[in-house]
Protein backbone atom coordinates (compact mmCIF):
# COMPACT_ATOMS: atom_id res chain seq x y z
CA UNK A 1 71.86 118.24 79.05
CA UNK A 2 75.35 118.71 77.96
CA UNK A 3 77.64 116.19 79.22
CA UNK A 4 81.46 117.64 79.34
CA UNK A 5 83.96 115.03 78.30
CA UNK A 6 86.95 114.19 81.20
CA UNK A 7 89.62 111.48 81.08
CA UNK A 8 89.02 108.67 83.27
CA UNK A 9 85.37 109.32 83.89
CA UNK A 10 82.22 108.38 82.76
CA UNK A 11 79.28 110.55 82.25
CA UNK A 12 77.62 108.65 85.31
CA UNK A 13 80.90 109.84 87.23
CA UNK A 14 80.46 113.42 85.80
CA UNK A 15 77.01 112.92 87.09
CA UNK A 16 78.18 111.76 90.18
CA UNK A 17 80.50 114.36 90.79
CA UNK A 18 78.81 117.09 90.39
CA UNK A 19 75.81 116.63 92.40
CA UNK A 20 77.92 115.01 94.92
CA UNK A 21 79.77 117.91 95.34
CA UNK A 22 76.79 120.14 95.54
CA UNK A 23 75.35 117.88 98.73
CA UNK A 24 78.72 118.03 100.29
CA UNK A 25 79.15 121.56 100.50
CA UNK A 26 76.46 122.47 101.34
CA UNK A 27 75.56 119.58 104.49
CA UNK A 28 79.08 121.10 105.53
CA UNK A 29 77.70 124.67 105.32
CA UNK A 30 74.82 123.48 107.49
CA UNK A 31 76.92 122.33 109.89
CA UNK A 32 79.28 124.88 110.42
CA UNK A 33 76.13 127.29 111.03
CA UNK A 34 75.25 125.06 113.81
CA UNK A 35 78.56 125.30 115.40
CA UNK A 36 78.07 129.38 115.03
CA UNK A 37 74.48 128.94 116.74
CA UNK A 38 75.77 127.04 119.04
CA UNK A 39 78.54 129.47 120.49
CA UNK A 40 75.56 131.73 120.73
CA UNK A 41 73.53 129.59 122.41
CA UNK A 42 75.77 128.10 124.57
CA UNK A 43 74.09 124.53 123.62
CA UNK A 44 76.46 121.64 123.50
CA UNK A 45 74.42 119.31 121.31
CA UNK A 46 73.75 121.40 119.10
CA UNK A 47 77.28 121.96 118.43
CA UNK A 48 78.18 118.35 118.58
CA UNK A 49 75.62 118.08 116.15
CA UNK A 50 77.55 120.70 113.91
CA UNK A 51 80.58 118.49 113.94
CA UNK A 52 78.75 114.82 112.85
CA UNK A 53 76.65 116.20 110.12
CA UNK A 54 79.73 117.97 109.12
CA UNK A 55 81.45 114.78 108.98
CA UNK A 56 78.75 112.12 108.72
CA UNK A 57 79.49 113.12 104.93
CA UNK A 58 82.95 111.74 104.96
CA UNK A 59 82.55 108.97 102.48
CA UNK A 60 81.09 111.47 99.57
CA UNK A 61 84.05 114.03 100.76
CA UNK A 62 86.22 111.51 99.22
CA UNK A 63 84.52 111.22 96.12
CA UNK A 64 84.11 115.40 95.38
CA UNK A 65 88.33 115.61 96.32
CA UNK A 66 88.82 112.68 93.32
CA UNK A 67 86.42 114.12 91.04
CA UNK A 68 87.81 117.75 91.71
CA UNK A 69 91.17 116.07 91.09
CA UNK A 70 90.25 115.18 87.76
CA UNK A 71 88.18 117.67 86.60
CA UNK A 72 91.42 119.62 86.86
CA UNK A 73 93.88 117.32 85.20
CA UNK A 74 95.20 116.48 88.12
CA UNK A 75 96.47 113.14 89.93
CA UNK A 76 93.70 111.57 92.36
CA UNK A 77 94.13 110.41 95.34
CA UNK A 78 95.42 107.13 95.85
CA UNK A 79 93.40 104.14 97.25
CA UNK A 80 94.63 104.15 100.59
CA UNK A 81 94.12 107.91 101.00
CA UNK A 82 90.81 108.07 99.75
CA UNK A 83 89.17 105.00 101.83
CA UNK A 84 91.27 107.12 105.05
CA UNK A 85 89.40 110.14 103.94
CA UNK A 86 85.95 107.85 103.63
CA UNK A 87 85.79 106.13 106.85
CA UNK A 88 88.50 107.66 109.60
CA UNK A 89 85.83 110.56 110.08
CA UNK A 90 83.18 108.60 110.34
CA UNK A 91 83.39 107.15 113.78
CA UNK A 92 84.56 110.46 115.45
CA UNK A 93 81.12 111.41 113.53
CA UNK A 94 79.21 108.62 115.70
CA UNK A 95 81.05 109.75 118.72
CA UNK A 96 79.97 113.48 118.07
CA UNK A 97 75.72 112.01 117.32
CA UNK A 98 75.81 110.58 120.73
CA UNK A 99 77.14 113.81 122.85
CA UNK A 100 73.97 114.85 121.05
CA UNK A 101 71.88 112.13 122.39
CA UNK A 102 73.32 111.46 125.76
CA UNK A 103 72.72 115.21 126.33
CA UNK A 104 69.15 115.22 125.46
CA UNK A 105 68.37 111.91 127.20
CA UNK A 106 71.14 110.31 129.32
CA UNK A 107 72.92 112.97 131.33
CA UNK A 108 73.15 110.89 133.89
CA UNK A 109 75.08 108.07 132.47
CA UNK A 110 76.73 110.20 129.73
CA UNK A 111 79.85 109.60 130.79
CA UNK A 112 79.37 105.62 130.55
CA UNK A 113 78.24 105.73 127.28
CA UNK A 114 80.42 107.77 125.34
CA UNK A 115 83.75 105.85 126.65
CA UNK A 116 81.78 103.09 124.98
CA UNK A 117 81.60 104.64 122.13
CA UNK A 118 84.95 106.12 122.16
CA UNK A 119 86.27 103.16 122.90
CA UNK A 120 84.06 101.13 119.55
CA UNK A 121 85.56 104.86 117.26
CA UNK A 122 89.37 103.20 118.11
CA UNK A 123 88.29 100.69 117.12
CA UNK A 124 86.95 100.69 113.85
CA UNK A 125 89.88 103.27 113.18
CA UNK A 126 92.37 101.18 114.49
CA UNK A 127 91.14 98.83 112.04
CA UNK A 128 90.95 101.12 109.16
CA UNK A 129 94.48 101.83 109.76
CA UNK A 130 95.61 98.77 110.79
CA UNK A 131 94.15 96.98 106.74
CA UNK A 132 94.77 99.92 105.18
CA UNK A 133 98.46 99.23 105.84
CA UNK A 134 98.54 95.57 104.87
CA UNK A 135 96.36 96.14 101.74
CA UNK A 136 93.28 98.73 100.86
CA UNK A 137 91.56 95.84 98.92
CA UNK A 138 90.89 94.34 102.52
CA UNK A 139 88.69 97.98 103.22
CA UNK A 140 87.16 98.54 99.52
CA UNK A 141 87.58 98.37 95.97
CA UNK A 142 86.58 100.50 92.89
CA UNK A 143 83.94 100.34 90.61
CA UNK A 144 85.07 103.74 89.25
CA UNK A 145 87.14 107.07 90.96
CA UNK A 146 83.65 107.83 92.59
CA UNK A 147 81.91 104.54 93.54
CA UNK A 148 83.54 102.70 96.25
CA UNK A 149 82.58 99.55 97.00
CA UNK A 150 83.38 98.57 100.85
CA UNK A 151 84.67 95.40 102.31
CA UNK A 152 82.09 92.61 104.35
CA UNK A 153 84.00 93.56 107.59
CA UNK A 154 84.18 97.60 106.75
CA UNK A 155 80.28 97.18 105.43
CA UNK A 156 79.74 96.06 109.27
CA UNK A 157 80.97 98.53 111.05
CA UNK A 158 79.28 101.24 108.61
CA UNK A 159 76.38 99.22 109.68
CA UNK A 160 77.09 99.64 113.44
CA UNK A 161 76.93 103.38 112.84
CA UNK A 162 74.27 103.61 111.10
CA UNK A 163 71.68 101.54 113.32
CA UNK A 164 73.12 103.86 116.28
CA UNK A 165 72.04 106.74 114.58
CA UNK A 166 68.40 105.30 113.72
CA UNK A 167 67.77 103.60 116.94
CA UNK A 168 68.92 106.38 118.92
CA UNK A 169 66.47 108.62 116.66
CA UNK A 170 63.92 106.57 117.43
CA UNK A 171 64.46 106.63 121.10
CA UNK A 172 64.95 110.08 121.24
CA UNK A 173 61.44 110.84 119.05
CA UNK A 174 59.23 108.37 121.07
CA UNK A 175 60.11 110.19 124.43
CA UNK A 176 59.92 113.51 122.99
CA UNK A 177 56.35 112.73 121.34
CA UNK A 178 55.47 112.93 124.91
CA UNK A 179 56.08 116.01 125.96
CA UNK A 180 52.86 118.91 125.73
CA UNK A 181 55.81 121.90 123.84
CA UNK A 182 54.17 121.42 120.38
CA UNK A 183 57.69 122.73 119.66
CA UNK A 184 59.40 119.88 121.28
CA UNK A 185 57.06 117.43 119.18
CA UNK A 186 58.30 119.07 115.96
CA UNK A 187 61.84 119.50 116.56
CA UNK A 188 61.76 115.37 117.43
CA UNK A 189 59.69 114.70 114.23
CA UNK A 190 62.34 116.98 112.05
CA UNK A 191 65.02 114.82 114.03
CA UNK A 192 63.79 111.15 113.59
CA UNK A 193 62.88 112.29 109.16
CA UNK A 194 66.33 113.29 109.25
CA UNK A 195 68.60 110.43 110.57
CA UNK A 196 66.07 108.05 108.49
CA UNK A 197 66.32 109.62 105.42
CA UNK A 198 70.06 110.03 105.96
CA UNK A 199 70.68 106.02 107.08
CA UNK A 200 68.05 105.09 103.64
CA UNK A 201 70.34 107.41 101.70
CA UNK A 202 73.47 105.81 102.78
CA UNK A 203 72.51 102.05 101.97
CA UNK A 204 70.84 102.79 98.60
CA UNK A 205 73.85 104.47 97.67
CA UNK A 206 76.08 101.62 98.80
CA UNK A 207 74.10 98.58 98.12
CA UNK A 208 72.12 99.72 94.57
CA UNK A 209 73.76 99.74 90.99
CA UNK A 210 74.63 103.62 90.38
CA UNK A 211 72.49 104.85 87.85
CA UNK A 212 72.56 109.01 86.97
CA UNK A 213 68.28 109.14 88.42
CA UNK A 214 69.62 107.44 91.47
CA UNK A 215 72.22 109.46 91.97
CA UNK A 216 70.71 112.62 91.76
CA UNK A 217 67.90 110.60 93.95
CA UNK A 218 70.42 109.98 96.75
CA UNK A 219 72.04 112.97 96.99
CA UNK A 220 68.91 115.25 96.81
CA UNK A 221 67.69 113.23 100.20
CA UNK A 222 71.11 113.37 101.82
CA UNK A 223 70.47 117.08 101.46
CA UNK A 224 66.81 116.60 102.44
CA UNK A 225 68.25 114.93 105.79
CA UNK A 226 70.76 118.06 106.18
CA UNK A 227 67.83 120.35 105.74
CA UNK A 228 65.59 118.52 108.58
CA UNK A 229 68.49 118.62 111.02
CA UNK A 230 68.71 122.08 110.28
CA UNK A 231 64.87 122.58 111.24
CA UNK A 232 64.91 120.18 114.47
CA UNK A 233 67.69 121.92 116.22
CA UNK A 234 66.35 125.29 114.55
CA UNK A 235 63.01 125.62 114.27
CA UNK A 236 62.59 128.50 111.71
CA UNK A 237 59.71 130.82 112.24
CA UNK A 238 58.17 130.52 108.94
CA UNK A 239 58.05 126.08 109.52
CA UNK A 240 56.60 127.11 112.63
CA UNK A 241 53.64 128.48 110.35
CA UNK A 242 53.50 125.80 108.53
CA UNK A 243 53.68 122.77 110.54
CA UNK A 244 52.44 124.92 113.52
CA UNK A 245 48.66 126.35 114.26
CA UNK A 246 49.65 128.92 116.86
CA UNK A 247 53.46 129.53 116.37
CA UNK A 248 55.75 131.00 119.41
C-alpha cells in the first residue's frame, strides 16, 4: 500500500482519514436515500431514520473535514469548531431516532416521550456550547488531527445516547419478533443488528487505542450498520430471497 506524505499527518492518520471519509460519504448517501424514499412512501419513520443516520456520523464528519483541509494544505479546523461539528448534531440524531421508535412502538405516548428527549437534546447541546465557550479541553482533546478524546462528562452524555439506541432497538426487536409476518421479523432483526453494530463500533473507536487494522474494522462496521438499517426499512428483494423461503 502506498502512503501519501502529508505534512501534519502520520501514516495511521492518512489511513484513518481515507476510510473515515469513505464511511461518512456512504452513510450520508444511505440516509439521503431513506429520506427520498420516505417522501414517496409518505412514511415518517423512514424519513426520521434517514435524518438520524446522516447525523449520527457527525464525529467522523468533523474528522473527515479536517482530513480534507489538511490534505489540500488548508488550515485545519479550530478545536472549538471541530468539537462543535462532532457533537452538536448527535442529540438531534438521537431525537430523530426516538421519532422512529415512537412512530413504531409508542404512538399514543409519542408527544410525552419526544418532549423528554427534546429537553435532553437541548441540555446536551447547551452543555457542549457552554463548555466550548470556556475552554475546549473541557469537552475534548486531540491525540492527532483525526483522533479526539472526549472528557468524562461528554463521554457520559454520549453513552446515554448510545444506550438509548441500543435499548430501544432491543425493545423493538422483542415486540416485532412476535409478529406472524416473516418480513416484519427479518426487518426487526436487521434493525437490531444495525444498532448493535453501530454502538459496538462507536465504543471501540472511542475507548481502544487506534491502529490501522482497528480503524479499517471499525469503519467497516459503521458502514455495515448503515447497510443493515437500509435493509431494515427498505427490505430489498434480493435480501428476501436469501433469508426468506417464500419472499412476497
